[in-house]
Amino acid sequence: MTTSESITSTAPASIIIGDVTASEAQPAQPAPTGPRLGDIVLYTLSGRDVAQAVTQPGNLAAAGQTYPALVVRVWPNGLAQLRVFLDGPGAELWATSRPEGDGPGQWTPRV
């Protein structure tokens, strides 16, 4: 073949990745959305939460404050059961069926 000749091919190019060619590889799956069991999220207290929270003297929780929370259950509709870790030994709140959002009574993912 000379440099003036062109190369044409009707067969698609394949790239081998391990034992799988690129044409056989599965498309990437989207990352799961919503909370997952065991995730740590940030939960913002509501006034009702403050009334139900178990706190220690001197460690007062207030509506609008944000605390870390462990996702202990996820419902099919995306609501989460959370164990909220308040400031102080034994200080906690169980927040049930809470939606994602940035307002009181809601959680947001940690970034």
Protein backbone atom coordinates (compact mmCIF):
# COMPACT_ATOMS: atom_id res chain seq x y z
CA MET A 1 0.00 0.00 0.00
CA THR A 2 1.24 3.45 -0.82
CA THR A 3 0.75 6.62 1.16
CA SER A 4 -1.73 7.90 -1.42
CA GLU A 5 -4.10 4.96 -0.95
CA SER A 6 -6.88 5.39 1.59
CA ILE A 7 -8.02 2.77 4.04
CA THR A 8 -11.75 2.13 4.29
CA SER A 9 -13.54 -0.41 6.39
CA THR A 10 -17.20 -1.30 6.77
CA ALA A 11 -16.70 -3.25 10.00
CA PRO A 12 -17.16 -1.32 13.25
CA ALA A 13 -14.06 -0.86 15.34
CA SER A 14 -13.90 -2.84 18.56
CA ILE A 15 -11.88 -2.07 21.61
CA ILE A 16 -11.01 -4.98 23.86
CA ILE A 17 -11.34 -4.31 27.59
CA GLY A 18 -10.20 -7.38 29.47
CA ASP A 19 -12.26 -10.26 28.07
CA VAL A 20 -15.09 -8.00 26.83
CA THR A 21 -15.14 -5.88 23.70
CA ALA A 22 -16.57 -2.37 23.89
CA SER A 23 -19.46 -3.43 21.66
CA GLU A 24 -20.42 -6.10 24.25
CA ALA A 25 -19.99 -3.88 27.33
CA GLN A 26 -23.15 -2.81 29.14
CA PRO A 27 -23.95 0.90 29.37
CA ALA A 28 -23.17 2.51 32.70
CA GLN A 29 -26.06 2.41 35.14
CA PRO A 30 -27.16 5.72 36.66
CA ALA A 31 -26.19 6.29 40.27
CA PRO A 32 -28.98 5.39 42.70
CA THR A 33 -31.05 8.33 43.83
CA GLY A 34 -32.48 8.90 47.26
CA PRO A 35 -31.14 7.74 50.59
CA ARG A 36 -29.54 4.35 51.11
CA LEU A 37 -29.52 2.27 54.25
CA GLY A 38 -26.55 3.35 56.38
CA ASP A 39 -26.09 6.77 54.76
CA ILE A 40 -25.30 9.72 57.00
CA VAL A 41 -27.47 12.69 56.07
CA LEU A 42 -28.02 16.16 57.54
CA TYR A 43 -31.36 16.65 59.29
CA THR A 44 -32.91 20.01 60.19
CA LEU A 45 -35.00 20.02 63.36
CA SER A 46 -38.61 21.21 63.36
CA GLY A 47 -40.42 22.62 66.41
CA ARG A 48 -42.19 19.27 66.87
CA ASP A 49 -38.83 17.47 66.80
CA VAL A 50 -37.48 19.70 69.57
CA ALA A 51 -40.46 18.81 71.79
CA GLN A 52 -39.81 15.07 71.25
CA ALA A 53 -36.01 15.10 71.40
CA VAL A 54 -34.14 13.42 74.23
CA THR A 55 -31.54 15.96 75.35
CA GLN A 56 -29.27 16.46 78.33
CA PRO A 57 -29.37 19.54 80.59
CA GLY A 58 -27.32 22.31 79.03
CA ASN A 59 -27.49 20.81 75.52
CA LEU A 60 -30.60 22.43 74.14
CA ALA A 61 -31.86 21.62 70.66
CA ALA A 62 -33.67 24.34 68.72
CA ALA A 63 -35.83 24.34 65.61
CA GLY A 64 -33.78 25.09 62.52
CA GLN A 65 -30.57 23.51 63.85
CA THR A 66 -28.99 20.83 61.66
CA TYR A 67 -27.53 17.55 62.98
CA PRO A 68 -26.13 14.37 61.43
CA ALA A 69 -28.55 11.47 61.10
CA LEU A 70 -28.19 7.80 60.21
CA VAL A 71 -30.63 6.35 57.65
CA VAL A 72 -32.01 3.21 59.32
CA ARG A 73 -34.81 2.43 56.85
CA VAL A 74 -35.88 3.64 53.42
CA TRP A 75 -39.48 3.34 52.27
CA PRO A 76 -40.36 2.70 48.60
CA ASN A 77 -41.75 6.26 48.33
CA GLY A 78 -38.32 7.72 49.24
CA LEU A 79 -39.14 8.69 52.83
CA ALA A 80 -36.49 7.77 55.39
CA GLN A 81 -36.42 6.68 59.01
CA LEU A 82 -33.59 8.54 60.73
CA ARG A 83 -31.70 8.35 64.00
CA VAL A 84 -30.65 11.94 64.60
CA PHE A 85 -27.53 12.47 66.72
CA LEU A 86 -27.98 15.52 68.93
CA ASP A 87 -25.28 17.16 71.05
CA GLY A 88 -24.57 15.34 74.33
CA PRO A 89 -24.37 11.79 75.66
CA GLY A 90 -27.56 9.88 74.95
CA ALA A 91 -29.12 12.87 73.19
CA GLU A 92 -31.06 11.61 70.18
CA LEU A 93 -34.20 11.83 68.12
CA TRP A 94 -35.95 9.20 66.05
CA ALA A 95 -37.33 11.01 62.99
CA THR A 96 -39.76 8.77 61.13
CA SER A 97 -40.89 8.95 57.50
CA ARG A 98 -39.01 12.15 56.68
CA PRO A 99 -38.69 13.56 53.16
CA GLU A 100 -35.64 14.97 51.46
CA GLY A 101 -35.54 18.77 51.41
CA ASP A 102 -33.86 21.77 52.96
CA GLY A 103 -36.51 22.87 55.45
CA PRO A 104 -37.36 21.91 59.04
CA GLY A 105 -38.28 18.24 59.40
CA GLN A 106 -36.34 17.32 56.25
CA TRP A 107 -32.93 15.84 55.45
CA THR A 108 -30.31 16.60 52.82
CA PRO A 109 -27.42 14.44 51.61
CA ARG A 110 -23.96 15.22 52.96
CA VAL A 111 -21.72 16.74 50.34
